[in-house]
């Protein structure tokens, strides 16, 4: 039986680095793909590695565009004058690299390119690095040993990457999370930004984008709920015709059946899969460990661990409960579970229509999934015996900062009695202004002590996604 030879490895490296050729460009189809807005946040980190001795670890759920972002980064570095042969890319999950260390890969890169990687400036990209054993210690060694090598690693086993990065790479790794698409990014990639009027184009004091035609925007929002989490899906009619095959098989199943069991030693994969399916079906609904344990026959401590695993894999997010007075409970007996992107539910079960009963929960999931992109905003929901408020934030003194009630209906715009729980909560917490999302309605309703502002859910999601991204972009610009 023949073994893989050094010549085979060198040929593979040369194939994976087409920009070493005469035209110095990344291959098709990457050239034609529009970069995600997050590219503008990622690129400065790569350039910063020239001055700071750190590796960048690009992590995120499967199929959100990490490899595409790497290729776009490579092209930009070349455009800015970096020698093409000073950039090396390894698709680590390729069988030809099986069993090789980072040091060995760099050695073969030197043979393939003629670059002295030990002294020349090098940008080394390791895609799907989790397939290398003890990658985190090897990566740290490279960062410590070679000042000239700028290392960028990526991987889809996000839970594993985050855990090992924090354990072994403290002070040497910079983590960059690439999430699923916000509604703002979704419309940006589809080049539909012209459907919106920015706040500074309208009346003074307006905080939200408006739609030139809300019905058309809502059509796109419905598509976002069904298909909008992953860049490949929105441009592929074939995937849209069968999202289960792509999202479930290529994203969710690989996380549940391979990533999490290998990382945490989970033995009962069917039990984990069953729990995730139940949580996904009930996204935006309140659950409890006791209820989940009784329905599944699984011990509460085991379910708690499973939920922690699913959060670490960026499949779900837990939101905790506060009471009518905005006090947090000493024991988190009840909580809400949200999918990190609503399109996962459509893939697991079936796409929805605008009048389906579940659309209210998916609209609420979409609202929360926009906020999950913010690293400095902690979300809560309020519930008491006869009322609930969907989204609440607290300030540093644990007082209510702002609140949002999520509706996929215009009915409350004309009948604020349907919002008596929200109004009661505002009065109890001295909120004189509160936001309610609607389907199409844009209106302000005044009570003697409270102003209720109604804005369509789709516009709220677009505005939140836009503001979070551009807030991060502003922070990056300010740091430079």
Foldseek 3Di string as FASTA:
>chain_A
DDDQDLVNLLVVQCVCQVCLDDVNADDPPLVVADDFLCLLVPLVVLVCLLVALAAEEEEEFPQAQPVSSVRVSLSVVVVVPDNSLLETEDACPPPSNQPPAPVVSVVSSCVNRVDPNQAAAHEYEYEQQVNYPPNLQSVQCCSVRGSRYHYYYYHNLQLVCVVSCVVRVVSHYDYDYRYFDFLQRQCVSVVNPVQWDDPVVDDPPDQFIDGPDLVVLVVSVLCQLAQNGHPVRVPDPVCSVQVLVPCVVVTVCCNLVPSLCVRPVDDPSVLLVVVLLVLLVVALDKDFLVRSCVVRVDDSVVVVVSVVSCVSSQQKDKAAEAELLLHGDPDRGMIGIAGLGSNSSCNVPHRDDLPDPCVQSSLLSSLVNLVVLAPPWHWHKYDDDPAIFRTFTADPVSATPAGEHEDAACVCVPPVVVVVRVVSSCVSRVNQEYEYEYNCDFDWDDDPRHIYTYHHSSRSSSSSNVVRSVVSSVVSVVVD
